[in-house]
PDB file of N, CA and C in Angstrom:
ATOM      1  N   MET A   1      27.207  98.166   7.040  1.00  0.00           N
ATOM      2  CA  MET A   1      26.866  97.730   8.388  1.00  0.00           C
ATOM      3  C   MET A   1      27.778  96.590   8.843  1.00  0.00           C
ATOM      4  N   ARG A   2      28.024  95.622   7.946  1.00  0.00           N
ATOM      5  CA  ARG A   2      28.843  94.468   8.284  1.00  0.00           C
ATOM      6  C   ARG A   2      30.282  94.900   8.600  1.00  0.00           C
ATOM      7  N   LYS A   3      30.792  95.875   7.841  1.00  0.00           N
ATOM      8  CA  LYS A   3      32.160  96.354   8.051  1.00  0.00           C
ATOM      9  C   LYS A   3      32.286  97.013   9.434  1.00  0.00           C
ATOM     10  N   LYS A   4      31.276  97.799   9.828  1.00  0.00           N
ATOM     11  CA  LYS A   4      31.285  98.452  11.144  1.00  0.00           C
ATOM     12  C   LYS A   4      31.245  97.416  12.262  1.00  0.00           C
ATOM     13  N   LEU A   5      30.470  96.363  12.078  1.00  0.00           N
ATOM     14  CA  LEU A   5      30.379  95.308  13.084  1.00  0.00           C
ATOM     15  C   LEU A   5      31.724  94.599  13.242  1.00  0.00           C
ATOM     16  N   ILE A   6      32.372  94.297  12.137  1.00  0.00           N
ATOM     17  CA  ILE A   6      33.673  93.621  12.195  1.00  0.00           C
ATOM     18  C   ILE A   6      34.707  94.514  12.873  1.00  0.00           C
ATOM     19  N   ILE A   7      34.719  95.796  12.545  1.00  0.00           N
ATOM     20  CA  ILE A   7      35.659  96.734  13.185  1.00  0.00           C
ATOM     21  C   ILE A   7      35.386  96.809  14.684  1.00  0.00           C
ATOM     22  N   PHE A   8      34.112  96.886  15.070  1.00  0.00           N
ATOM     23  CA  PHE A   8      33.747  96.940  16.483  1.00  0.00           C
ATOM     24  C   PHE A   8      34.222  95.684  17.216  1.00  0.00           C
ATOM     25  N   LEU A   9      33.977  94.524  16.625  1.00  0.00           N
ATOM     26  CA  LEU A   9      34.390  93.270  17.268  1.00  0.00           C
ATOM     27  C   LEU A   9      35.906  93.159  17.375  1.00  0.00           C
ATOM     28  N   LEU A  10      36.631  93.597  16.352  1.00  0.00           N
ATOM     29  CA  LEU A  10      38.099  93.583  16.419  1.00  0.00           C
ATOM     30  C   LEU A  10      38.612  94.494  17.528  1.00  0.00           C
ATOM     31  N   ILE A  11      37.988  95.643  17.692  1.00  0.00           N
ATOM     32  CA  ILE A  11      38.383  96.559  18.777  1.00  0.00           C
ATOM     33  C   ILE A  11      38.093  95.918  20.131  1.00  0.00           C
ATOM     34  N   MET A  12      36.931  95.282  20.271  1.00  0.00           N
ATOM     35  CA  MET A  12      36.581  94.641  21.536  1.00  0.00           C
ATOM     36  C   MET A  12      37.528  93.489  21.856  1.00  0.00           C
ATOM     37  N   VAL A  13      37.892  92.701  20.850  1.00  0.00           N
ATOM     38  CA  VAL A  13      38.837  91.603  21.061  1.00  0.00           C
ATOM     39  C   VAL A  13      40.187  92.167  21.492  1.00  0.00           C
ATOM     40  N   ALA A  14      40.623  93.266  20.853  1.00  0.00           N
ATOM     41  CA  ALA A  14      41.907  93.874  21.198  1.00  0.00           C
ATOM     42  C   ALA A  14      41.901  94.433  22.621  1.00  0.00           C
ATOM     43  N   LEU A  15      40.743  94.887  23.091  1.00  0.00           N
ATOM     44  CA  LEU A  15      40.646  95.463  24.437  1.00  0.00           C
ATOM     45  C   LEU A  15      40.425  94.411  25.521  1.00  0.00           C
ATOM     46  N   THR A  16      40.133  93.190  25.135  1.00  0.00           N
ATOM     47  CA  THR A  16      39.848  92.129  26.096  1.00  0.00           C
ATOM     48  C   THR A  16      40.919  91.963  27.175  1.00  0.00           C
ATOM     49  N   PRO A  17      42.217  92.013  26.840  1.00  0.00           N
ATOM     50  CA  PRO A  17      43.236  91.837  27.883  1.00  0.00           C
ATOM     51  C   PRO A  17      43.221  92.908  28.980  1.00  0.00           C
ATOM     52  N   LEU A  18      42.508  94.003  28.779  1.00  0.00           N
ATOM     53  CA  LEU A  18      42.422  95.013  29.836  1.00  0.00           C
ATOM     54  C   LEU A  18      41.783  94.440  31.099  1.00  0.00           C
ATOM     55  N   GLY A  19      40.969  93.406  30.946  1.00  0.00           N
ATOM     56  CA  GLY A  19      40.357  92.759  32.103  1.00  0.00           C
ATOM     57  C   GLY A  19      41.380  92.093  33.013  1.00  0.00           C
ATOM     58  N   LEU A  20      42.560  91.829  32.489  1.00  0.00           N
ATOM     59  CA  LEU A  20      43.599  91.193  33.300  1.00  0.00           C
ATOM     60  C   LEU A  20      44.160  92.119  34.371  1.00  0.00           C
ATOM     61  N   ILE A  21      44.038  93.427  34.170  1.00  0.00           N
ATOM     62  CA  ILE A  21      44.607  94.356  35.150  1.00  0.00           C
ATOM     63  C   ILE A  21      43.653  94.647  36.301  1.00  0.00           C
ATOM     64  N   SER A  22      42.415  94.169  36.180  1.00  0.00           N
ATOM     65  CA  SER A  22      41.447  94.375  37.250  1.00  0.00           C
ATOM     66  C   SER A  22      41.759  93.464  38.433  1.00  0.00           C
ATOM     67  N   GLU A  23      41.557  93.967  39.626  1.00  0.00           N
ATOM     68  CA  GLU A  23      41.777  93.134  40.812  1.00  0.00           C
ATOM     69  C   GLU A  23      40.550  92.297  41.151  1.00  0.00           C
ATOM     70  N   TYR A  24      39.440  92.529  40.436  1.00  0.00           N
ATOM     71  CA  TYR A  24      38.198  91.814  40.708  1.00  0.00           C
ATOM     72  C   TYR A  24      37.900  90.814  39.601  1.00  0.00           C
ATOM     73  N   SER A  25      37.091  89.810  39.919  1.00  0.00           N
ATOM     74  CA  SER A  25      36.656  88.829  38.922  1.00  0.00           C
ATOM     75  C   SER A  25      35.588  89.444  38.037  1.00  0.00           C
ATOM     76  N   ALA A  26      35.451  88.881  36.852  1.00  0.00           N
ATOM     77  CA  ALA A  26      34.374  89.298  35.966  1.00  0.00           C
ATOM     78  C   ALA A  26      33.046  88.836  36.557  1.00  0.00           C
ATOM     79  N   TRP A  27      31.975  89.545  36.258  1.00  0.00           N
ATOM     80  CA  TRP A  27      30.673  89.214  36.814  1.00  0.00           C
ATOM     81  C   TRP A  27      30.292  87.798  36.398  1.00  0.00           C
ATOM     82  N   GLY A  28      29.918  86.991  37.368  1.00  0.00           N
ATOM     83  CA  GLY A  28      29.451  85.644  37.121  1.00  0.00           C
ATOM     84  C   GLY A  28      30.549  84.600  36.988  1.00  0.00           C
ATOM     85  N   GLU A  29      31.790  84.978  37.121  1.00  0.00           N
ATOM     86  CA  GLU A  29      32.895  84.025  36.989  1.00  0.00           C
ATOM     87  C   GLU A  29      33.534  83.727  38.333  1.00  0.00           C
ATOM     88  N   TRP A  30      32.709  83.619  39.346  1.00  0.00           N
ATOM     89  CA  TRP A  30      33.213  83.410  40.695  1.00  0.00           C
ATOM     90  C   TRP A  30      33.360  81.927  40.989  1.00  0.00           C
ATOM     91  N   GLY A  31      34.364  81.605  41.765  1.00  0.00           N
ATOM     92  CA  GLY A  31      34.485  80.258  42.305  1.00  0.00           C
ATOM     93  C   GLY A  31      33.577  80.134  43.522  1.00  0.00           C
ATOM     94  N   VAL A  32      33.472  78.945  44.058  1.00  0.00           N
ATOM     95  CA  VAL A  32      32.578  78.709  45.197  1.00  0.00           C
ATOM     96  C   VAL A  32      32.988  79.569  46.392  1.00  0.00           C
ATOM     97  N   GLU A  33      34.294  79.662  46.653  1.00  0.00           N
ATOM     98  CA  GLU A  33      34.758  80.450  47.798  1.00  0.00           C
ATOM     99  C   GLU A  33      34.444  81.934  47.616  1.00  0.00           C
ATOM    100  N   GLU A  34      34.660  82.436  46.401  1.00  0.00           N
ATOM    101  CA  GLU A  34      34.378  83.848  46.143  1.00  0.00           C
ATOM    102  C   GLU A  34      32.877  84.121  46.210  1.00  0.00           C
ATOM    103  N   PHE A  35      32.072  83.168  45.755  1.00  0.00           N
ATOM    104  CA  PHE A  35      30.617  83.299  45.839  1.00  0.00           C
ATOM    105  C   PHE A  35      30.185  83.401  47.294  1.00  0.00           C
ATOM    106  N   GLN A  36      30.797  82.587  48.142  1.00  0.00           N
ATOM    107  CA  GLN A  36      30.515  82.621  49.577  1.00  0.00           C
ATOM    108  C   GLN A  36      30.816  84.002  50.145  1.00  0.00           C
ATOM    109  N   THR A  37      31.940  84.579  49.751  1.00  0.00           N
ATOM    110  CA  THR A  37      32.341  85.895  50.251  1.00  0.00           C
ATOM    111  C   THR A  37      31.391  86.984  49.757  1.00  0.00           C
ATOM    112  N   LEU A  38      31.012  86.930  48.493  1.00  0.00           N
ATOM    113  CA  LEU A  38      30.162  87.971  47.909  1.00  0.00           C
ATOM    114  C   LEU A  38      28.723  87.919  48.391  1.00  0.00           C
ATOM    115  N   VAL A  39      28.152  86.715  48.433  1.00  0.00           N
ATOM    116  CA  VAL A  39      26.727  86.568  48.722  1.00  0.00           C
ATOM    117  C   VAL A  39      26.461  86.239  50.182  1.00  0.00           C
ATOM    118  N   GLY A  40      27.396  85.554  50.822  1.00  0.00           N
ATOM    119  CA  GLY A  40      27.222  85.209  52.220  1.00  0.00           C
ATOM    120  C   GLY A  40      26.837  83.752  52.446  1.00  0.00           C
ATOM    121  N   TYR A  41      26.482  83.052  51.392  1.00  0.00           N
ATOM    122  CA  TYR A  41      26.156  81.631  51.500  1.00  0.00           C
ATOM    123  C   TYR A  41      26.355  80.995  50.127  1.00  0.00           C
ATOM    124  N   ILE A  42      26.322  79.683  50.083  1.00  0.00           N
ATOM    125  CA  ILE A  42      26.465  78.971  48.815  1.00  0.00           C
ATOM    126  C   ILE A  42      25.177  78.207  48.558  1.00  0.00           C
ATOM    127  N   PRO A  43      24.413  78.584  47.521  1.00  0.00           N
ATOM    128  CA  PRO A  43      23.183  77.849  47.211  1.00  0.00           C
ATOM    129  C   PRO A  43      23.487  76.390  46.860  1.00  0.00           C
ATOM    130  N   GLU A  44      22.561  75.504  47.132  1.00  0.00           N
ATOM    131  CA  GLU A  44      22.751  74.073  46.885  1.00  0.00           C
ATOM    132  C   GLU A  44      23.131  73.791  45.431  1.00  0.00           C
ATOM    133  N   GLY A  45      22.490  74.475  44.503  1.00  0.00           N
ATOM    134  CA  GLY A  45      22.776  74.248  43.084  1.00  0.00           C
ATOM    135  C   GLY A  45      24.194  74.615  42.699  1.00  0.00           C
ATOM    136  N   VAL A  46      24.743  75.616  43.347  1.00  0.00           N
ATOM    137  CA  VAL A  46      26.114  76.035  43.067  1.00  0.00           C
ATOM    138  C   VAL A  46      27.093  75.073  43.734  1.00  0.00           C
ATOM    139  N   LYS A  47      26.768  74.670  44.934  1.00  0.00           N
ATOM    140  CA  LYS A  47      27.648  73.788  45.708  1.00  0.00           C
ATOM    141  C   LYS A  47      27.862  72.453  45.006  1.00  0.00           C
ATOM    142  N   ASP A  48      26.802  71.901  44.442  1.00  0.00           N
ATOM    143  CA  ASP A  48      26.861  70.565  43.856  1.00  0.00           C
ATOM    144  C   ASP A  48      26.878  70.581  42.332  1.00  0.00           C
ATOM    145  N   ALA A  49      27.166  71.720  41.712  1.00  0.00           N
ATOM    146  CA  ALA A  49      27.085  71.827  40.254  1.00  0.00           C
ATOM    147  C   ALA A  49      28.122  70.956  39.554  1.00  0.00           C
ATOM    148  N   GLY A  50      29.332  70.914  40.063  1.00  0.00           N
ATOM    149  CA  GLY A  50      30.366  70.090  39.445  1.00  0.00           C
ATOM    150  C   GLY A  50      30.724  70.524  38.042  1.00  0.00           C
ATOM    151  N   ILE A  51      30.648  71.813  37.771  1.00  0.00           N
ATOM    152  CA  ILE A  51      30.930  72.328  36.428  1.00  0.00           C
ATOM    153  C   ILE A  51      32.425  72.639  36.327  1.00  0.00           C
ATOM    154  N   ASN A  52      33.037  72.144  35.273  1.00  0.00           N
ATOM    155  CA  ASN A  52      34.437  72.450  35.005  1.00  0.00           C
ATOM    156  C   ASN A  52      34.525  73.259  33.723  1.00  0.00           C
ATOM    157  N   ALA A  53      35.278  74.333  33.758  1.00  0.00           N
ATOM    158  CA  ALA A  53      35.426  75.189  32.587  1.00  0.00           C
ATOM    159  C   ALA A  53      36.247  74.479  31.519  1.00  0.00           C
ATOM    160  N   PRO A  54      35.857  74.612  30.247  1.00  0.00           N
ATOM    161  CA  PRO A  54      36.643  73.986  29.189  1.00  0.00           C
ATOM    162  C   PRO A  54      38.031  74.625  29.037  1.00  0.00           C
ATOM    163  N   MET A  55      38.156  75.889  29.385  1.00  0.00           N
ATOM    164  CA  MET A  55      39.438  76.594  29.339  1.00  0.00           C
ATOM    165  C   MET A  55      39.608  77.372  30.646  1.00  0.00           C
ATOM    166  N   PRO A  56      40.012  76.702  31.723  1.00  0.00           N
ATOM    167  CA  PRO A  56      40.142  77.399  33.008  1.00  0.00           C
ATOM    168  C   PRO A  56      41.071  78.605  32.901  1.00  0.00           C
ATOM    169  N   ASP A  57      40.631  79.719  33.441  1.00  0.00           N
ATOM    170  CA  ASP A  57      41.376  80.976  33.438  1.00  0.00           C
ATOM    171  C   ASP A  57      41.733  81.446  32.032  1.00  0.00           C
ATOM    172  N   TYR A  58      41.009  80.962  31.030  1.00  0.00           N
ATOM    173  CA  TYR A  58      41.217  81.350  29.627  1.00  0.00           C
ATOM    174  C   TYR A  58      42.625  81.057  29.144  1.00  0.00           C
ATOM    175  N   GLU A  59      43.312  80.117  29.758  1.00  0.00           N
ATOM    176  CA  GLU A  59      44.690  79.792  29.376  1.00  0.00           C
ATOM    177  C   GLU A  59      44.697  78.836  28.190  1.00  0.00           C
ATOM    178  N   VAL A  60      45.490  79.166  27.197  1.00  0.00           N
ATOM    179  CA  VAL A  60      45.668  78.331  26.015  1.00  0.00           C
ATOM    180  C   VAL A  60      47.123  77.882  26.000  1.00  0.00           C
ATOM    181  N   GLY A  61      47.359  76.674  26.471  1.00  0.00           N
ATOM    182  CA  GLY A  61      48.725  76.160  26.514  1.00  0.00           C
ATOM    183  C   GLY A  61      49.642  77.055  27.339  1.00  0.00           C
ATOM    184  N   ASN A  62      50.814  77.312  26.816  1.00  0.00           N
ATOM    185  CA  ASN A  62      51.791  78.167  27.491  1.00  0.00           C
ATOM    186  C   ASN A  62      51.973  79.488  26.752  1.00  0.00           C
ATOM    187  N   LEU A  63      50.910  80.022  26.195  1.00  0.00           N
ATOM    188  CA  LEU A  63      51.007  81.227  25.378  1.00  0.00           C
ATOM    189  C   LEU A  63      51.057  82.517  26.189  1.00  0.00           C
ATOM    190  N   GLY A  64      50.802  82.447  27.455  1.00  0.00           N
ATOM    191  CA  GLY A  64      50.785  83.658  28.269  1.00  0.00           C
ATOM    192  C   GLY A  64      49.376  84.206  28.394  1.00  0.00           C
ATOM    193  N   ALA A  65      49.184  85.030  29.403  1.00  0.00           N
ATOM    194  CA  ALA A  65      47.844  85.515  29.740  1.00  0.00           C
ATOM    195  C   ALA A  65      47.241  86.399  28.653  1.00  0.00           C
ATOM    196  N   ILE A  66      48.004  87.319  28.102  1.00  0.00           N
ATOM    197  CA  ILE A  66      47.452  88.272  27.131  1.00  0.00           C
ATOM    198  C   ILE A  66      47.045  87.561  25.844  1.00  0.00           C
ATOM    199  N   LEU A  67      47.937  86.778  25.275  1.00  0.00           N
ATOM    200  CA  LEU A  67      47.621  86.081  24.027  1.00  0.00           C
ATOM    201  C   LEU A  67      46.513  85.047  24.241  1.00  0.00           C
ATOM    202  N   SER A  68      46.520  84.370  25.367  1.00  0.00           N
ATOM    203  CA  SER A  68      45.459  83.404  25.680  1.00  0.00           C
ATOM    204  C   SER A  68      44.101  84.082  25.772  1.00  0.00           C
ATOM    205  N   THR A  69      44.069  85.264  26.378  1.00  0.00           N
ATOM    206  CA  THR A  69      42.811  85.998  26.513  1.00  0.00           C
ATOM    207  C   THR A  69      42.295  86.443  25.152  1.00  0.00           C
ATOM    208  N   ILE A  70      43.182  86.884  24.288  1.00  0.00           N
ATOM    209  CA  ILE A  70      42.774  87.298  22.937  1.00  0.00           C
ATOM    210  C   ILE A  70      42.248  86.096  22.155  1.00  0.00           C
ATOM    211  N   ILE A  71      42.924  84.970  22.240  1.00  0.00           N
ATOM    212  CA  ILE A  71      42.463  83.758  21.554  1.00  0.00           C
ATOM    213  C   ILE A  71      41.109  83.326  22.100  1.00  0.00           C
ATOM    214  N   SER A  72      40.926  83.407  23.406  1.00  0.00           N
ATOM    215  CA  SER A  72      39.636  83.057  24.012  1.00  0.00           C
ATOM    216  C   SER A  72      38.530  83.980  23.510  1.00  0.00           C
ATOM    217  N   ALA A  73      38.843  85.261  23.376  1.00  0.00           N
ATOM    218  CA  ALA A  73      37.851  86.211  22.861  1.00  0.00           C
ATOM    219  C   ALA A  73      37.481  85.884  21.421  1.00  0.00           C
ATOM    220  N   ILE A  74      38.476  85.531  20.609  1.00  0.00           N
ATOM    221  CA  ILE A  74      38.210  85.177  19.214  1.00  0.00           C
ATOM    222  C   ILE A  74      37.349  83.913  19.148  1.00  0.00           C
ATOM    223  N   ILE A  75      37.650  82.935  19.981  1.00  0.00           N
ATOM    224  CA  ILE A  75      36.844  81.708  20.024  1.00  0.00           C
ATOM    225  C   ILE A  75      35.408  82.029  20.433  1.00  0.00           C
ATOM    226  N   GLY A  76      35.256  82.898  21.432  1.00  0.00           N
ATOM    227  CA  GLY A  76      33.915  83.288  21.877  1.00  0.00           C
ATOM    228  C   GLY A  76      33.121  83.997  20.795  1.00  0.00           C
ATOM    229  N   VAL A  77      33.760  84.902  20.062  1.00  0.00           N
ATOM    230  CA  VAL A  77      33.084  85.604  18.967  1.00  0.00           C
ATOM    231  C   VAL A  77      32.693  84.605  17.880  1.00  0.00           C
ATOM    232  N   ALA A  78      33.614  83.700  17.526  1.00  0.00           N
ATOM    233  CA  ALA A  78      33.328  82.710  16.483  1.00  0.00           C
ATOM    234  C   ALA A  78      32.179  81.798  16.894  1.00  0.00           C
ATOM    235  N   MET A  79      32.171  81.363  18.152  1.00  0.00           N
ATOM    236  CA  MET A  79      31.084  80.491  18.619  1.00  0.00           C
ATOM    237  C   MET A  79      29.749  81.230  18.628  1.00  0.00           C
ATOM    238  N   SER A  80      29.761  82.493  19.015  1.00  0.00           N
ATOM    239  CA  SER A  80      28.528  83.290  19.012  1.00  0.00           C
ATOM    240  C   SER A  80      27.987  83.450  17.596  1.00  0.00           C
ATOM    241  N   PHE A  81      28.891  83.795  16.655  1.00  0.00           N
ATOM    242  CA  PHE A  81      28.456  83.911  15.267  1.00  0.00           C
ATOM    243  C   PHE A  81      27.919  82.584  14.754  1.00  0.00           C
ATOM    244  N   GLY A  82      28.598  81.494  15.080  1.00  0.00           N
ATOM    245  CA  GLY A  82      28.147  80.183  14.641  1.00  0.00           C
ATOM    246  C   GLY A  82      26.774  79.836  15.181  1.00  0.00           C
ATOM    247  N   PHE A  83      26.553  80.140  16.454  1.00  0.00           N
ATOM    248  CA  PHE A  83      25.259  79.865  17.074  1.00  0.00           C
ATOM    249  C   PHE A  83      24.141  80.648  16.390  1.00  0.00           C
ATOM    250  N   PHE A  84      24.349  81.959  16.204  1.00  0.00           N
ATOM    251  CA  PHE A  84      23.290  82.773  15.614  1.00  0.00           C
ATOM    252  C   PHE A  84      23.106  82.476  14.123  1.00  0.00           C
ATOM    253  N   TYR A  85      24.176  82.084  13.445  1.00  0.00           N
ATOM    254  CA  TYR A  85      24.057  81.675  12.049  1.00  0.00           C
ATOM    255  C   TYR A  85      23.203  80.409  11.954  1.00  0.00           C
ATOM    256  N   ALA A  86      23.493  79.435  12.826  1.00  0.00           N
ATOM    257  CA  ALA A  86      22.712  78.197  12.837  1.00  0.00           C
ATOM    258  C   ALA A  86      21.252  78.486  13.186  1.00  0.00           C
ATOM    259  N   LEU A  87      21.037  79.365  14.142  1.00  0.00           N
ATOM    260  CA  LEU A  87      19.677  79.731  14.527  1.00  0.00           C
ATOM    261  C   LEU A  87      18.938  80.361  13.359  1.00  0.00           C
ATOM    262  N   LYS A  88      19.621  81.217  12.608  1.00  0.00           N
ATOM    263  CA  LYS A  88      19.014  81.856  11.443  1.00  0.00           C
ATOM    264  C   LYS A  88      18.678  80.820  10.381  1.00  0.00           C
ATOM    265  N   ARG A  89      19.577  79.852  10.162  1.00  0.00           N
ATOM    266  CA  ARG A  89      19.347  78.817   9.169  1.00  0.00           C
ATOM    267  C   ARG A  89      18.146  77.945   9.557  1.00  0.00           C
ATOM    268  N   ILE A  90      18.030  77.649  10.843  1.00  0.00           N
ATOM    269  CA  ILE A  90      16.896  76.836  11.313  1.00  0.00           C
ATOM    270  C   ILE A  90      15.591  77.604  11.142  1.00  0.00           C
ATOM    271  N   LYS A  91      15.622  78.889  11.441  1.00  0.00           N
ATOM    272  CA  LYS A  91      14.423  79.722  11.338  1.00  0.00           C
ATOM    273  C   LYS A  91      13.964  79.864   9.885  1.00  0.00           C
ATOM    274  N   VAL A  92      14.922  79.985   8.978  1.00  0.00           N
ATOM    275  CA  VAL A  92      14.590  80.139   7.566  1.00  0.00           C
ATOM    276  C   VAL A  92      13.902  78.892   7.027  1.00  0.00           C
ATOM    277  N   LYS A  93      14.357  77.722   7.461  1.00  0.00           N
ATOM    278  CA  LYS A  93      13.739  76.465   6.997  1.00  0.00           C
ATOM    279  C   LYS A  93      12.446  76.277   7.706  1.00  0.00           C
TER     280      LYS A  93
END
């Protein structure tokens, strides 16, 4: 089971750069202006959120869009595994 999961995740990470060829934003990754266009208004919570992405546009230095996206996907998978591992450890205790 673990081997199948790792193979699946590696395939998903490898396919991640396909999102770069889309002309649309990923669901939920809209800026304030795009939110205005999609929904028709900007809710107060969105307008005043002041949230800055830790890695804007998934760019990692000057590595280019494809390699940066793959690195971002690997970081996301690692953080997800870390979160659920920690959750499992807390639950066991």
